PDB file of N, CA and C in Angstrom:
ATOM      1  N   MET A   1      -6.499  -6.752   8.433  1.00  0.00           N
ATOM      2  CA  MET A   1      -5.809  -7.648   7.526  1.00  0.00           C
ATOM      3  C   MET A   1      -6.209  -7.296   6.090  1.00  0.00           C
ATOM      4  N   ILE A   2      -5.229  -7.240   5.235  1.00  0.00           N
ATOM      5  CA  ILE A   2      -5.476  -6.931   3.824  1.00  0.00           C
ATOM      6  C   ILE A   2      -5.768  -8.235   3.088  1.00  0.00           C
ATOM      7  N   VAL A   3      -6.895  -8.257   2.382  1.00  0.00           N
ATOM      8  CA  VAL A   3      -7.348  -9.432   1.645  1.00  0.00           C
ATOM      9  C   VAL A   3      -7.051  -9.208   0.159  1.00  0.00           C
ATOM     10  N   PRO A   4      -6.363 -10.151  -0.498  1.00  0.00           N
ATOM     11  CA  PRO A   4      -5.941  -9.949  -1.892  1.00  0.00           C
ATOM     12  C   PRO A   4      -7.069  -9.591  -2.863  1.00  0.00           C
ATOM     13  N   HIS A   5      -8.245 -10.177  -2.712  1.00  0.00           N
ATOM     14  CA  HIS A   5      -9.313  -9.962  -3.694  1.00  0.00           C
ATOM     15  C   HIS A   5     -10.250  -8.790  -3.343  1.00  0.00           C
ATOM     16  N   CYS A   6      -9.899  -8.006  -2.331  1.00  0.00           N
ATOM     17  CA  CYS A   6     -10.708  -6.843  -1.962  1.00  0.00           C
ATOM     18  C   CYS A   6     -10.053  -5.552  -2.439  1.00  0.00           C
ATOM     19  N   PHE A   7     -10.839  -4.486  -2.474  1.00  0.00           N
ATOM     20  CA  PHE A   7     -10.343  -3.162  -2.847  1.00  0.00           C
ATOM     21  C   PHE A   7     -10.496  -2.229  -1.652  1.00  0.00           C
ATOM     22  N   TYR A   8      -9.540  -1.307  -1.511  1.00  0.00           N
ATOM     23  CA  TYR A   8      -9.496  -0.430  -0.342  1.00  0.00           C
ATOM     24  C   TYR A   8      -9.345   1.029  -0.752  1.00  0.00           C
ATOM     25  N   ALA A   9     -10.137   1.877  -0.134  1.00  0.00           N
ATOM     26  CA  ALA A   9      -9.962   3.322  -0.294  1.00  0.00           C
ATOM     27  C   ALA A   9      -8.753   3.739   0.540  1.00  0.00           C
ATOM     28  N   PRO A  10      -8.114   4.867   0.209  1.00  0.00           N
ATOM     29  CA  PRO A  10      -6.958   5.315   0.986  1.00  0.00           C
ATOM     30  C   PRO A  10      -7.270   5.523   2.472  1.00  0.00           C
ATOM     31  N   THR A  11      -8.535   5.749   2.796  1.00  0.00           N
ATOM     32  CA  THR A  11      -8.922   5.969   4.190  1.00  0.00           C
ATOM     33  C   THR A  11      -9.261   4.675   4.939  1.00  0.00           C
ATOM     34  N   ALA A  12      -9.174   3.542   4.268  1.00  0.00           N
ATOM     35  CA  ALA A  12      -9.529   2.262   4.894  1.00  0.00           C
ATOM     36  C   ALA A  12      -8.605   1.963   6.076  1.00  0.00           C
ATOM     37  N   PRO A  13      -9.168   1.531   7.196  1.00  0.00           N
ATOM     38  CA  PRO A  13      -8.342   1.224   8.369  1.00  0.00           C
ATOM     39  C   PRO A  13      -7.286   0.152   8.104  1.00  0.00           C
ATOM     40  N   GLU A  14      -7.556  -0.736   7.169  1.00  0.00           N
ATOM     41  CA  GLU A  14      -6.599  -1.804   6.848  1.00  0.00           C
ATOM     42  C   GLU A  14      -5.283  -1.245   6.295  1.00  0.00           C
ATOM     43  N   LEU A  15      -5.333  -0.045   5.712  1.00  0.00           N
ATOM     44  CA  LEU A  15      -4.120   0.540   5.121  1.00  0.00           C
ATOM     45  C   LEU A  15      -3.293   1.347   6.113  1.00  0.00           C
ATOM     46  N   ARG A  16      -3.814   1.607   7.314  1.00  0.00           N
ATOM     47  CA  ARG A  16      -3.081   2.417   8.300  1.00  0.00           C
ATOM     48  C   ARG A  16      -1.698   1.868   8.618  1.00  0.00           C
ATOM     49  N   PRO A  17      -1.532   0.522   8.774  1.00  0.00           N
ATOM     50  CA  PRO A  17      -0.179   0.020   9.038  1.00  0.00           C
ATOM     51  C   PRO A  17       0.777   0.224   7.856  1.00  0.00           C
ATOM     52  N   VAL A  18       0.235   0.409   6.664  1.00  0.00           N
ATOM     53  CA  VAL A  18       1.070   0.600   5.469  1.00  0.00           C
ATOM     54  C   VAL A  18       1.530   2.044   5.373  1.00  0.00           C
ATOM     55  N   ALA A  19       0.603   2.989   5.438  1.00  0.00           N
ATOM     56  CA  ALA A  19       0.927   4.416   5.326  1.00  0.00           C
ATOM     57  C   ALA A  19      -0.305   5.243   5.670  1.00  0.00           C
ATOM     58  N   SER A  20      -0.062   6.498   6.013  1.00  0.00           N
ATOM     59  CA  SER A  20      -1.172   7.410   6.299  1.00  0.00           C
ATOM     60  C   SER A  20      -1.843   7.833   4.991  1.00  0.00           C
ATOM     61  N   VAL A  21      -3.021   8.400   5.104  1.00  0.00           N
ATOM     62  CA  VAL A  21      -3.748   8.906   3.933  1.00  0.00           C
ATOM     63  C   VAL A  21      -2.880   9.922   3.190  1.00  0.00           C
ATOM     64  N   GLN A  22      -2.218  10.808   3.938  1.00  0.00           N
ATOM     65  CA  GLN A  22      -1.381  11.847   3.324  1.00  0.00           C
ATOM     66  C   GLN A  22      -0.164  11.245   2.618  1.00  0.00           C
ATOM     67  N   THR A  23       0.433  10.232   3.213  1.00  0.00           N
ATOM     68  CA  THR A  23       1.589   9.586   2.582  1.00  0.00           C
ATOM     69  C   THR A  23       1.176   8.882   1.300  1.00  0.00           C
ATOM     70  N   LEU A  24       0.050   8.196   1.319  1.00  0.00           N
ATOM     71  CA  LEU A  24      -0.437   7.538   0.099  1.00  0.00           C
ATOM     72  C   LEU A  24      -0.679   8.562  -0.999  1.00  0.00           C
ATOM     73  N   ALA A  25      -1.259   9.711  -0.647  1.00  0.00           N
ATOM     74  CA  ALA A  25      -1.510  10.777  -1.636  1.00  0.00           C
ATOM     75  C   ALA A  25      -0.193  11.306  -2.192  1.00  0.00           C
ATOM     76  N   ARG A  26       0.784  11.521  -1.313  1.00  0.00           N
ATOM     77  CA  ARG A  26       2.084  12.021  -1.766  1.00  0.00           C
ATOM     78  C   ARG A  26       2.750  11.008  -2.690  1.00  0.00           C
ATOM     79  N   TRP A  27       2.699   9.724  -2.332  1.00  0.00           N
ATOM     80  CA  TRP A  27       3.283   8.696  -3.177  1.00  0.00           C
ATOM     81  C   TRP A  27       2.620   8.646  -4.546  1.00  0.00           C
ATOM     82  N   ARG A  28       1.287   8.829  -4.588  1.00  0.00           N
ATOM     83  CA  ARG A  28       0.604   8.837  -5.893  1.00  0.00           C
ATOM     84  C   ARG A  28       1.116   9.983  -6.753  1.00  0.00           C
ATOM     85  N   CYS A  29       1.297  11.153  -6.159  1.00  0.00           N
ATOM     86  CA  CYS A  29       1.806  12.321  -6.900  1.00  0.00           C
ATOM     87  C   CYS A  29       3.239  12.116  -7.370  1.00  0.00           C
ATOM     88  N   GLN A  30       4.000  11.352  -6.614  1.00  0.00           N
ATOM     89  CA  GLN A  30       5.412  11.114  -6.928  1.00  0.00           C
ATOM     90  C   GLN A  30       5.623   9.829  -7.740  1.00  0.00           C
ATOM     91  N   SER A  31       4.538   9.178  -8.132  1.00  0.00           N
ATOM     92  CA  SER A  31       4.607   7.884  -8.845  1.00  0.00           C
ATOM     93  C   SER A  31       5.398   6.851  -8.046  1.00  0.00           C
ATOM     94  N   ARG A  32       5.172   6.822  -6.751  1.00  0.00           N
ATOM     95  CA  ARG A  32       5.796   5.852  -5.852  1.00  0.00           C
ATOM     96  C   ARG A  32       4.695   5.043  -5.186  1.00  0.00           C
ATOM     97  N   GLY A  33       5.103   4.108  -4.343  1.00  0.00           N
ATOM     98  CA  GLY A  33       4.137   3.356  -3.559  1.00  0.00           C
ATOM     99  C   GLY A  33       3.411   2.295  -4.372  1.00  0.00           C
ATOM    100  N   PRO A  34       2.386   1.709  -3.763  1.00  0.00           N
ATOM    101  CA  PRO A  34       1.656   0.634  -4.427  1.00  0.00           C
ATOM    102  C   PRO A  34       0.818   1.140  -5.602  1.00  0.00           C
ATOM    103  N   ALA A  35       0.575   0.237  -6.551  1.00  0.00           N
ATOM    104  CA  ALA A  35      -0.293   0.565  -7.693  1.00  0.00           C
ATOM    105  C   ALA A  35      -1.684   0.890  -7.179  1.00  0.00           C
ATOM    106  N   TYR A  36      -2.381   1.752  -7.901  1.00  0.00           N
ATOM    107  CA  TYR A  36      -3.742   2.120  -7.508  1.00  0.00           C
ATOM    108  C   TYR A  36      -4.627   2.249  -8.730  1.00  0.00           C
ATOM    109  N   ILE A  37      -5.921   2.279  -8.486  1.00  0.00           N
ATOM    110  CA  ILE A  37      -6.924   2.400  -9.536  1.00  0.00           C
ATOM    111  C   ILE A  37      -7.605   3.746  -9.364  1.00  0.00           C
ATOM    112  N   LYS A  38      -7.755   4.467 -10.443  1.00  0.00           N
ATOM    113  CA  LYS A  38      -8.412   5.783 -10.396  1.00  0.00           C
ATOM    114  C   LYS A  38      -9.678   5.698 -11.244  1.00  0.00           C
ATOM    115  N   SER A  39     -10.803   6.011 -10.621  1.00  0.00           N
ATOM    116  CA  SER A  39     -12.084   6.024 -11.316  1.00  0.00           C
ATOM    117  C   SER A  39     -12.729   7.379 -11.031  1.00  0.00           C
ATOM    118  N   GLY A  40     -12.634   8.288 -11.986  1.00  0.00           N
ATOM    119  CA  GLY A  40     -13.080   9.646 -11.741  1.00  0.00           C
ATOM    120  C   GLY A  40     -12.178  10.255 -10.689  1.00  0.00           C
ATOM    121  N   SER A  41     -12.753  10.713  -9.600  1.00  0.00           N
ATOM    122  CA  SER A  41     -11.939  11.275  -8.519  1.00  0.00           C
ATOM    123  C   SER A  41     -11.663  10.248  -7.419  1.00  0.00           C
ATOM    124  N   ARG A  42     -12.196   9.054  -7.575  1.00  0.00           N
ATOM    125  CA  ARG A  42     -12.049   8.017  -6.548  1.00  0.00           C
ATOM    126  C   ARG A  42     -10.774   7.209  -6.767  1.00  0.00           C
ATOM    127  N   VAL A  43     -10.074   6.934  -5.687  1.00  0.00           N
ATOM    128  CA  VAL A  43      -8.847   6.139  -5.716  1.00  0.00           C
ATOM    129  C   VAL A  43      -9.089   4.860  -4.921  1.00  0.00           C
ATOM    130  N   LEU A  44      -8.684   3.749  -5.498  1.00  0.00           N
ATOM    131  CA  LEU A  44      -8.796   2.455  -4.816  1.00  0.00           C
ATOM    132  C   LEU A  44      -7.484   1.692  -4.954  1.00  0.00           C
ATOM    133  N   TYR A  45      -7.205   0.894  -3.953  1.00  0.00           N
ATOM    134  CA  TYR A  45      -6.048   0.012  -3.966  1.00  0.00           C
ATOM    135  C   TYR A  45      -6.534  -1.427  -3.937  1.00  0.00           C
ATOM    136  N   ALA A  46      -6.042  -2.253  -4.849  1.00  0.00           N
ATOM    137  CA  ALA A  46      -6.361  -3.677  -4.819  1.00  0.00           C
ATOM    138  C   ALA A  46      -5.517  -4.323  -3.726  1.00  0.00           C
ATOM    139  N   GLY A  47      -6.127  -5.170  -2.932  1.00  0.00           N
ATOM    140  CA  GLY A  47      -5.405  -5.841  -1.863  1.00  0.00           C
ATOM    141  C   GLY A  47      -4.178  -6.575  -2.373  1.00  0.00           C
ATOM    142  N   LYS A  48      -4.305  -7.223  -3.518  1.00  0.00           N
ATOM    143  CA  LYS A  48      -3.168  -7.952  -4.111  1.00  0.00           C
ATOM    144  C   LYS A  48      -2.024  -7.002  -4.415  1.00  0.00           C
ATOM    145  N   ASP A  49      -2.323  -5.805  -4.948  1.00  0.00           N
ATOM    146  CA  ASP A  49      -1.271  -4.831  -5.250  1.00  0.00           C
ATOM    147  C   ASP A  49      -0.567  -4.349  -3.991  1.00  0.00           C
ATOM    148  N   ILE A  50      -1.328  -4.134  -2.922  1.00  0.00           N
ATOM    149  CA  ILE A  50      -0.736  -3.710  -1.649  1.00  0.00           C
ATOM    150  C   ILE A  50       0.208  -4.798  -1.127  1.00  0.00           C
ATOM    151  N   LEU A  51      -0.264  -6.044  -1.112  1.00  0.00           N
ATOM    152  CA  LEU A  51       0.549  -7.154  -0.607  1.00  0.00           C
ATOM    153  C   LEU A  51       1.787  -7.373  -1.464  1.00  0.00           C
ATOM    154  N   ASP A  52       1.636  -7.280  -2.795  1.00  0.00           N
ATOM    155  CA  ASP A  52       2.789  -7.420  -3.698  1.00  0.00           C
ATOM    156  C   ASP A  52       3.815  -6.324  -3.436  1.00  0.00           C
ATOM    157  N   TRP A  53       3.354  -5.087  -3.267  1.00  0.00           N
ATOM    158  CA  TRP A  53       4.245  -3.955  -3.019  1.00  0.00           C
ATOM    159  C   TRP A  53       4.989  -4.133  -1.691  1.00  0.00           C
ATOM    160  N   LEU A  54       4.267  -4.568  -0.665  1.00  0.00           N
ATOM    161  CA  LEU A  54       4.905  -4.808   0.627  1.00  0.00           C
ATOM    162  C   LEU A  54       5.985  -5.881   0.523  1.00  0.00           C
ATOM    163  N   ASN A  55       5.705  -6.957  -0.201  1.00  0.00           N
ATOM    164  CA  ASN A  55       6.691  -8.031  -0.374  1.00  0.00           C
ATOM    165  C   ASN A  55       7.907  -7.560  -1.160  1.00  0.00           C
ATOM    166  N   ARG A  56       7.701  -6.721  -2.177  1.00  0.00           N
ATOM    167  CA  ARG A  56       8.834  -6.189  -2.956  1.00  0.00           C
ATOM    168  C   ARG A  56       9.707  -5.267  -2.114  1.00  0.00           C
ATOM    169  N   ASN A  57       9.148  -4.644  -1.098  1.00  0.00           N
ATOM    170  CA  ASN A  57       9.895  -3.695  -0.263  1.00  0.00           C
ATOM    171  C   ASN A  57      10.350  -4.312   1.060  1.00  0.00           C
ATOM    172  N   ARG A  58      10.247  -5.595   1.147  1.00  0.00           N
ATOM    173  CA  ARG A  58      10.672  -6.300   2.352  1.00  0.00           C
ATOM    174  C   ARG A  58      12.195  -6.274   2.462  1.00  0.00           C
ATOM    175  N   VAL A  59      12.696  -6.000   3.646  1.00  0.00           N
ATOM    176  CA  VAL A  59      14.136  -5.942   3.896  1.00  0.00           C
ATOM    177  C   VAL A  59      14.498  -7.121   4.789  1.00  0.00           C
ATOM    178  N   LEU A  60      15.413  -7.944   4.308  1.00  0.00           N
ATOM    179  CA  LEU A  60      15.887  -9.079   5.100  1.00  0.00           C
ATOM    180  C   LEU A  60      17.102  -8.635   5.906  1.00  0.00           C
ATOM    181  N   THR A  61      17.089  -8.926   7.187  1.00  0.00           N
ATOM    182  CA  THR A  61      18.214  -8.568   8.044  1.00  0.00           C
ATOM    183  C   THR A  61      19.140  -9.780   8.198  1.00  0.00           C
ATOM    184  N   SER A  62      20.302  -9.543   8.759  1.00  0.00           N
ATOM    185  CA  SER A  62      21.252 -10.636   8.948  1.00  0.00           C
ATOM    186  C   SER A  62      20.772 -11.593  10.030  1.00  0.00           C
ATOM    187  N   GLY A  63      19.881 -11.150  10.879  1.00  0.00           N
ATOM    188  CA  GLY A  63      19.259 -12.006  11.888  1.00  0.00           C
ATOM    189  C   GLY A  63      20.226 -12.621  12.885  1.00  0.00           C
ATOM    190  N   GLY A  64      20.106 -12.223  14.120  1.00  0.00           N
ATOM    191  CA  GLY A  64      20.892 -12.840  15.175  1.00  0.00           C
ATOM    192  C   GLY A  64      22.211 -12.156  15.478  1.00  0.00           C
ATOM    193  N   ARG A  65      22.660 -11.243  14.649  1.00  0.00           N
ATOM    194  CA  ARG A  65      23.913 -10.537  14.949  1.00  0.00           C
ATOM    195  C   ARG A  65      23.620  -9.387  15.895  1.00  0.00           C
ATOM    196  N   GLY A  66      24.551  -9.132  16.774  1.00  0.00           N
ATOM    197  CA  GLY A  66      24.424  -7.968  17.623  1.00  0.00           C
ATOM    198  C   GLY A  66      24.125  -8.338  18.988  1.00  0.00           C
TER     199      GLY A  66
END
């Protein structure tokens, strides 16, 4: 579970349902994906940024059709 007030490295198990380590790296290079913090060579994701990004990319379906 991603906690809003925590920070996560790209290798954190909590981020696996969001994207793989390689996908997160590719998104950073492409200026896509969730916001991140860079400190020297270290990359961190704020839990709040991950949750906000997931909510912005949420797709609502018509529900019940089909």
